[in-house]
Amino acid sequence: MDVVGDEEPLAESRVGLTPRQARRIRIALASVLMAAMAVVLVVRLASRTSVLVVGVYGAALVLCGVVIELSRHGRTRLGTWLLAIGLAAALAADWLLLP
């Protein structure tokens, strides 16, 4: 089948990241956010020690690790949604639950 006129084959018209690039970006993003959550945990524990602080930020750290594993196994969209919703929930819990 010949390409007619200005039409391009599907392989050449694809714009965006390859699946491998998307996985690497999401792994890097989750790693950076994991480090940021660890820093926030240390700062919050220095100002006020509480089991609730450890619980909220510990859950955020675990969530970042889960997202890294999901991305390694090719579930990047699911990982992105979990990361966004989970970190928003952790920050909301910090604002609502922690004095």
C-alpha atoms as a PDB file:
ATOM      1  CA  MET A   1       0.000   0.000   0.000  1.00  0.00           C
ATOM      2  CA  ASP A   2       1.445   3.293  -1.076  1.00  0.00           C
ATOM      3  CA  VAL A   3       1.191   6.498   0.872  1.00  0.00           C
ATOM      4  CA  VAL A   4      -1.059   8.918  -0.995  1.00  0.00           C
ATOM      5  CA  GLY A   5      -0.455  12.671  -1.011  1.00  0.00           C
ATOM      6  CA  ASP A   6       0.378  14.291   2.299  1.00  0.00           C
ATOM      7  CA  GLU A   7      -0.575  11.301   4.428  1.00  0.00           C
ATOM      8  CA  GLU A   8       2.189   9.877   6.599  1.00  0.00           C
ATOM      9  CA  PRO A   9       2.534   6.336   7.805  1.00  0.00           C
ATOM     10  CA  LEU A  10       1.400   5.763  11.380  1.00  0.00           C
ATOM     11  CA  ALA A  11       4.909   5.002  12.645  1.00  0.00           C
ATOM     12  CA  GLU A  12       6.254   8.363  11.537  1.00  0.00           C
ATOM     13  CA  SER A  13       3.296  10.459  12.677  1.00  0.00           C
ATOM     14  CA  ARG A  14       3.543   9.321  16.277  1.00  0.00           C
ATOM     15  CA  VAL A  15       4.524  12.174  18.562  1.00  0.00           C
ATOM     16  CA  GLY A  16       5.357  11.794  22.235  1.00  0.00           C
ATOM     17  CA  LEU A  17       7.351   9.634  24.554  1.00  0.00           C
ATOM     18  CA  THR A  18       8.167   6.038  23.997  1.00  0.00           C
ATOM     19  CA  PRO A  19       6.970   3.647  26.716  1.00  0.00           C
ATOM     20  CA  ARG A  20      10.526   3.247  28.004  1.00  0.00           C
ATOM     21  CA  GLN A  21      10.971   7.021  28.267  1.00  0.00           C
ATOM     22  CA  ALA A  22       7.638   7.372  30.070  1.00  0.00           C
ATOM     23  CA  ARG A  23       8.639   4.678  32.563  1.00  0.00           C
ATOM     24  CA  ARG A  24      11.986   6.332  33.257  1.00  0.00           C
ATOM     25  CA  ILE A  25      10.423   9.760  33.741  1.00  0.00           C
ATOM     26  CA  ARG A  26       7.811   8.418  36.161  1.00  0.00           C
ATOM     27  CA  ILE A  27      10.419   6.462  38.098  1.00  0.00           C
ATOM     28  CA  ALA A  28      12.578   9.581  38.387  1.00  0.00           C
ATOM     29  CA  LEU A  29       9.580  11.701  39.420  1.00  0.00           C
ATOM     30  CA  ALA A  30       8.493   9.191  42.065  1.00  0.00           C
ATOM     31  CA  SER A  31      12.080   8.987  43.370  1.00  0.00           C
ATOM     32  CA  VAL A  32      12.332  12.766  43.689  1.00  0.00           C
ATOM     33  CA  LEU A  33       8.961  12.931  45.432  1.00  0.00           C
ATOM     34  CA  MET A  34      10.014  10.121  47.757  1.00  0.00           C
ATOM     35  CA  ALA A  35      13.100  12.093  48.756  1.00  0.00           C
ATOM     36  CA  ALA A  36      10.968  15.208  49.247  1.00  0.00           C
ATOM     37  CA  MET A  37       8.511  13.311  51.456  1.00  0.00           C
ATOM     38  CA  ALA A  38      11.434  12.005  53.533  1.00  0.00           C
ATOM     39  CA  VAL A  39      12.710  15.558  54.043  1.00  0.00           C
ATOM     40  CA  VAL A  40       9.231  16.787  55.004  1.00  0.00           C
ATOM     41  CA  LEU A  41       8.896  13.867  57.425  1.00  0.00           C
ATOM     42  CA  VAL A  42      12.166  14.780  59.136  1.00  0.00           C
ATOM     43  CA  VAL A  43      11.171  18.462  59.349  1.00  0.00           C
ATOM     44  CA  ARG A  44       7.718  17.624  60.721  1.00  0.00           C
ATOM     45  CA  LEU A  45       9.187  15.211  63.278  1.00  0.00           C
ATOM     46  CA  ALA A  46      11.662  17.861  64.400  1.00  0.00           C
ATOM     47  CA  SER A  47       8.862  20.320  65.059  1.00  0.00           C
ATOM     48  CA  ARG A  48       6.349  17.854  66.502  1.00  0.00           C
ATOM     49  CA  THR A  49       6.812  14.163  67.171  1.00  0.00           C
ATOM     50  CA  SER A  50       3.656  12.205  66.566  1.00  0.00           C
ATOM     51  CA  VAL A  51       2.657   8.760  65.417  1.00  0.00           C
ATOM     52  CA  LEU A  52       0.165  10.407  63.081  1.00  0.00           C
ATOM     53  CA  VAL A  53       2.968  12.342  61.359  1.00  0.00           C
ATOM     54  CA  VAL A  54       4.904   9.133  60.835  1.00  0.00           C
ATOM     55  CA  GLY A  55       1.764   7.407  59.573  1.00  0.00           C
ATOM     56  CA  VAL A  56       0.836  10.071  57.016  1.00  0.00           C
ATOM     57  CA  TYR A  57       4.305  10.566  55.608  1.00  0.00           C
ATOM     58  CA  GLY A  58       5.217   6.896  55.936  1.00  0.00           C
ATOM     59  CA  ALA A  59       2.190   6.068  53.791  1.00  0.00           C
ATOM     60  CA  ALA A  60       3.339   8.672  51.250  1.00  0.00           C
ATOM     61  CA  LEU A  61       6.795   7.074  51.153  1.00  0.00           C
ATOM     62  CA  VAL A  62       5.293   3.620  50.644  1.00  0.00           C
ATOM     63  CA  LEU A  63       3.066   5.010  47.902  1.00  0.00           C
ATOM     64  CA  CYS A  64       6.094   6.429  46.073  1.00  0.00           C
ATOM     65  CA  GLY A  65       7.748   3.016  46.260  1.00  0.00           C
ATOM     66  CA  VAL A  66       4.626   1.344  44.880  1.00  0.00           C
ATOM     67  CA  VAL A  67       4.570   3.823  41.984  1.00  0.00           C
ATOM     68  CA  ILE A  68       8.208   3.058  41.192  1.00  0.00           C
ATOM     69  CA  GLU A  69       7.436  -0.664  41.078  1.00  0.00           C
ATOM     70  CA  LEU A  70       4.336  -0.116  38.951  1.00  0.00           C
ATOM     71  CA  SER A  71       6.368   1.956  36.512  1.00  0.00           C
ATOM     72  CA  ARG A  72       9.061  -0.707  36.333  1.00  0.00           C
ATOM     73  CA  HIS A  73       6.387  -3.213  35.350  1.00  0.00           C
ATOM     74  CA  GLY A  74       4.858  -1.002  32.664  1.00  0.00           C
ATOM     75  CA  ARG A  75       1.837   0.354  34.538  1.00  0.00           C
ATOM     76  CA  THR A  76       2.807   4.008  34.116  1.00  0.00           C
ATOM     77  CA  ARG A  77      -0.679   5.517  33.788  1.00  0.00           C
ATOM     78  CA  LEU A  78      -1.914   3.717  36.888  1.00  0.00           C
ATOM     79  CA  GLY A  79       1.222   4.802  38.723  1.00  0.00           C
ATOM     80  CA  THR A  80       0.740   8.420  37.697  1.00  0.00           C
ATOM     81  CA  TRP A  81      -2.841   8.473  38.951  1.00  0.00           C
ATOM     82  CA  LEU A  82      -1.892   6.794  42.213  1.00  0.00           C
ATOM     83  CA  LEU A  83       0.970   9.206  42.754  1.00  0.00           C
ATOM     84  CA  ALA A  84      -1.156  12.285  42.132  1.00  0.00           C
ATOM     85  CA  ILE A  85      -4.128  11.145  44.204  1.00  0.00           C
ATOM     86  CA  GLY A  86      -2.034   9.634  46.982  1.00  0.00           C
ATOM     87  CA  LEU A  87       0.218  12.633  47.490  1.00  0.00           C
ATOM     88  CA  ALA A  88      -2.759  14.985  47.371  1.00  0.00           C
ATOM     89  CA  ALA A  89      -4.414  12.832  50.046  1.00  0.00           C
ATOM     90  CA  ALA A  90      -1.250  12.886  52.175  1.00  0.00           C
ATOM     91  CA  LEU A  91      -1.012  16.663  51.973  1.00  0.00           C
ATOM     92  CA  ALA A  92      -4.732  16.996  52.734  1.00  0.00           C
ATOM     93  CA  ALA A  93      -4.330  14.688  55.731  1.00  0.00           C
ATOM     94  CA  ASP A  94      -1.392  16.788  56.906  1.00  0.00           C
ATOM     95  CA  TRP A  95      -3.479  19.935  56.665  1.00  0.00           C
ATOM     96  CA  LEU A  96      -6.652  18.449  58.189  1.00  0.00           C
ATOM     97  CA  LEU A  97      -5.394  15.945  60.776  1.00  0.00           C
ATOM     98  CA  LEU A  98      -2.077  17.225  62.006  1.00  0.00           C
ATOM     99  CA  PRO A  99      -2.054  20.256  64.303  1.00  0.00           C
END
